[in-house]
């Protein structure tokens, strides 16, 4: 029986192809529909850690929300071939604020 891949990556072909060299399960996508299907496929295969390029992550907020609450699957945005666009850091910042009630990453007071 083949060993299960412990990590996967979803995103634009030029951004994710290199991850194959380190043994990750790689699915290249170019549309929101392909991205959602790829996330679902990896989750159903039991891949616990799935990296997704920020560009593709921005296209599928509903899918990200689904996997955010699903135990056993972590979907983590990473920079893509276009570089960093701030999407991943924004999610980290929001999760930290939600967890502790303050923005400790940028030393800003939480508004609201």
C-alpha atoms as a PDB file:
ATOM      1  CA  UNK A   1       0.000   0.000   0.000  1.00  0.00           C
ATOM      2  CA  UNK A   2       1.310   3.452  -0.912  1.00  0.00           C
ATOM      3  CA  UNK A   3       2.200   5.797   1.919  1.00  0.00           C
ATOM      4  CA  UNK A   4      -0.349   8.560   2.503  1.00  0.00           C
ATOM      5  CA  UNK A   5       0.913  12.037   1.721  1.00  0.00           C
ATOM      6  CA  UNK A   6       1.024  14.063   4.917  1.00  0.00           C
ATOM      7  CA  UNK A   7       0.885  17.442   3.194  1.00  0.00           C
ATOM      8  CA  UNK A   8      -0.692  18.793   0.047  1.00  0.00           C
ATOM      9  CA  UNK A   9      -0.532  22.003  -1.920  1.00  0.00           C
ATOM     10  CA  UNK A  10      -3.103  23.633  -4.196  1.00  0.00           C
ATOM     11  CA  UNK A  11      -2.443  26.569  -6.492  1.00  0.00           C
ATOM     12  CA  UNK A  12      -1.193  27.869  -9.801  1.00  0.00           C
ATOM     13  CA  UNK A  13       1.031  25.391 -11.657  1.00  0.00           C
ATOM     14  CA  UNK A  14       4.177  27.541 -11.620  1.00  0.00           C
ATOM     15  CA  UNK A  15       3.808  28.160  -7.882  1.00  0.00           C
ATOM     16  CA  UNK A  16       3.188  24.594  -6.699  1.00  0.00           C
ATOM     17  CA  UNK A  17       5.135  22.304  -9.023  1.00  0.00           C
ATOM     18  CA  UNK A  18       8.346  22.495  -6.964  1.00  0.00           C
ATOM     19  CA  UNK A  19       6.538  21.044  -3.937  1.00  0.00           C
ATOM     20  CA  UNK A  20       6.368  17.701  -5.774  1.00  0.00           C
ATOM     21  CA  UNK A  21      10.136  17.390  -5.362  1.00  0.00           C
ATOM     22  CA  UNK A  22       9.761  17.231  -1.571  1.00  0.00           C
ATOM     23  CA  UNK A  23       7.035  14.581  -1.724  1.00  0.00           C
ATOM     24  CA  UNK A  24       3.934  16.692  -1.247  1.00  0.00           C
ATOM     25  CA  UNK A  25       0.634  15.899  -2.958  1.00  0.00           C
ATOM     26  CA  UNK A  26       0.350  18.670  -5.575  1.00  0.00           C
ATOM     27  CA  UNK A  27      -2.779  19.778  -7.438  1.00  0.00           C
ATOM     28  CA  UNK A  28      -2.429  22.680  -9.855  1.00  0.00           C
ATOM     29  CA  UNK A  29      -5.584  24.728 -10.413  1.00  0.00           C
ATOM     30  CA  UNK A  30      -6.641  27.863 -12.248  1.00  0.00           C
ATOM     31  CA  UNK A  31     -10.289  28.444 -11.283  1.00  0.00           C
ATOM     32  CA  UNK A  32     -12.378  28.666  -8.125  1.00  0.00           C
ATOM     33  CA  UNK A  33     -14.216  25.464  -9.043  1.00  0.00           C
ATOM     34  CA  UNK A  34     -10.973  23.525  -9.540  1.00  0.00           C
ATOM     35  CA  UNK A  35      -9.643  24.910  -6.262  1.00  0.00           C
ATOM     36  CA  UNK A  36     -12.712  23.861  -4.279  1.00  0.00           C
ATOM     37  CA  UNK A  37     -12.619  20.396  -5.862  1.00  0.00           C
ATOM     38  CA  UNK A  38      -8.893  20.024  -5.105  1.00  0.00           C
ATOM     39  CA  UNK A  39      -9.363  20.971  -1.439  1.00  0.00           C
ATOM     40  CA  UNK A  40     -12.215  18.479  -1.156  1.00  0.00           C
ATOM     41  CA  UNK A  41     -10.176  15.738  -2.825  1.00  0.00           C
ATOM     42  CA  UNK A  42      -7.189  16.235  -0.514  1.00  0.00           C
ATOM     43  CA  UNK A  43      -9.388  16.375   2.587  1.00  0.00           C
ATOM     44  CA  UNK A  44     -11.178  13.164   1.537  1.00  0.00           C
ATOM     45  CA  UNK A  45      -7.787  11.496   1.000  1.00  0.00           C
ATOM     46  CA  UNK A  46      -6.960  12.283   4.618  1.00  0.00           C
ATOM     47  CA  UNK A  47      -4.293  14.927   3.972  1.00  0.00           C
ATOM     48  CA  UNK A  48      -4.169  16.824   7.285  1.00  0.00           C
ATOM     49  CA  UNK A  49      -2.158  19.869   6.118  1.00  0.00           C
ATOM     50  CA  UNK A  50      -3.048  21.593   2.861  1.00  0.00           C
ATOM     51  CA  UNK A  51      -1.197  24.667   1.662  1.00  0.00           C
ATOM     52  CA  UNK A  52      -3.027  26.917  -0.814  1.00  0.00           C
ATOM     53  CA  UNK A  53      -1.645  29.877  -2.709  1.00  0.00           C
ATOM     54  CA  UNK A  54      -3.070  33.211  -1.599  1.00  0.00           C
ATOM     55  CA  UNK A  55      -4.321  33.919  -5.120  1.00  0.00           C
ATOM     56  CA  UNK A  56      -6.454  30.769  -5.172  1.00  0.00           C
ATOM     57  CA  UNK A  57      -7.478  31.124  -1.517  1.00  0.00           C
ATOM     58  CA  UNK A  58      -9.054  34.497  -2.248  1.00  0.00           C
ATOM     59  CA  UNK A  59     -11.295  32.843  -4.850  1.00  0.00           C
ATOM     60  CA  UNK A  60     -12.815  30.284  -2.449  1.00  0.00           C
ATOM     61  CA  UNK A  61     -13.765  31.938   0.864  1.00  0.00           C
ATOM     62  CA  UNK A  62     -16.661  29.508   1.417  1.00  0.00           C
ATOM     63  CA  UNK A  63     -14.402  26.477   1.082  1.00  0.00           C
ATOM     64  CA  UNK A  64     -11.840  28.000   3.448  1.00  0.00           C
ATOM     65  CA  UNK A  65     -14.572  28.628   6.000  1.00  0.00           C
ATOM     66  CA  UNK A  66     -15.704  24.988   5.720  1.00  0.00           C
ATOM     67  CA  UNK A  67     -12.221  23.621   6.375  1.00  0.00           C
ATOM     68  CA  UNK A  68     -11.565  26.163   9.119  1.00  0.00           C
ATOM     69  CA  UNK A  69     -14.158  24.387  11.260  1.00  0.00           C
ATOM     70  CA  UNK A  70     -13.322  20.844  10.129  1.00  0.00           C
ATOM     71  CA  UNK A  71     -11.203  18.919  12.610  1.00  0.00           C
ATOM     72  CA  UNK A  72      -8.244  17.085  11.157  1.00  0.00           C
ATOM     73  CA  UNK A  73      -7.685  19.379   8.181  1.00  0.00           C
ATOM     74  CA  UNK A  74      -5.665  22.596   8.232  1.00  0.00           C
ATOM     75  CA  UNK A  75      -5.684  24.836   5.137  1.00  0.00           C
ATOM     76  CA  UNK A  76      -2.832  27.330   5.185  1.00  0.00           C
ATOM     77  CA  UNK A  77      -2.441  30.177   2.659  1.00  0.00           C
ATOM     78  CA  UNK A  78       1.058  30.682   1.239  1.00  0.00           C
ATOM     79  CA  UNK A  79       2.464  33.201  -1.256  1.00  0.00           C
ATOM     80  CA  UNK A  80       1.980  32.193  -4.871  1.00  0.00           C
ATOM     81  CA  UNK A  81       3.816  32.985  -8.067  1.00  0.00           C
ATOM     82  CA  UNK A  82       2.604  36.593  -7.862  1.00  0.00           C
ATOM     83  CA  UNK A  83       4.272  37.042  -4.467  1.00  0.00           C
ATOM     84  CA  UNK A  84       2.670  37.976  -1.165  1.00  0.00           C
ATOM     85  CA  UNK A  85      -0.665  39.803  -1.325  1.00  0.00           C
ATOM     86  CA  UNK A  86      -1.395  39.901   2.419  1.00  0.00           C
ATOM     87  CA  UNK A  87      -4.290  37.439   2.390  1.00  0.00           C
ATOM     88  CA  UNK A  88      -2.553  34.831   4.536  1.00  0.00           C
ATOM     89  CA  UNK A  89      -1.250  37.319   7.080  1.00  0.00           C
ATOM     90  CA  UNK A  90      -4.701  38.905   7.304  1.00  0.00           C
ATOM     91  CA  UNK A  91      -6.190  35.521   8.244  1.00  0.00           C
ATOM     92  CA  UNK A  92      -3.534  34.926  10.887  1.00  0.00           C
ATOM     93  CA  UNK A  93      -4.121  38.409  12.320  1.00  0.00           C
ATOM     94  CA  UNK A  94      -7.905  37.866  12.440  1.00  0.00           C
ATOM     95  CA  UNK A  95      -7.510  34.482  14.157  1.00  0.00           C
ATOM     96  CA  UNK A  96      -5.156  35.929  16.781  1.00  0.00           C
ATOM     97  CA  UNK A  97      -7.572  38.795  17.469  1.00  0.00           C
ATOM     98  CA  UNK A  98     -10.466  36.355  17.755  1.00  0.00           C
ATOM     99  CA  UNK A  99      -8.542  34.079  20.111  1.00  0.00           C
ATOM    100  CA  UNK A 100      -7.176  36.667  22.527  1.00  0.00           C
ATOM    101  CA  UNK A 101      -9.196  39.809  21.827  1.00  0.00           C
ATOM    102  CA  UNK A 102      -6.254  41.995  20.822  1.00  0.00           C
ATOM    103  CA  UNK A 103      -3.937  42.525  17.900  1.00  0.00           C
ATOM    104  CA  UNK A 104      -0.589  41.449  19.314  1.00  0.00           C
ATOM    105  CA  UNK A 105       0.992  41.068  15.882  1.00  0.00           C
ATOM    106  CA  UNK A 106       0.848  44.749  14.966  1.00  0.00           C
ATOM    107  CA  UNK A 107       0.304  46.256  18.433  1.00  0.00           C
ATOM    108  CA  UNK A 108      -2.975  47.892  17.422  1.00  0.00           C
ATOM    109  CA  UNK A 109      -5.969  48.072  19.715  1.00  0.00           C
ATOM    110  CA  UNK A 110      -8.964  46.024  18.627  1.00  0.00           C
ATOM    111  CA  UNK A 111     -11.706  48.292  17.363  1.00  0.00           C
ATOM    112  CA  UNK A 112     -15.325  47.561  17.915  1.00  0.00           C
END
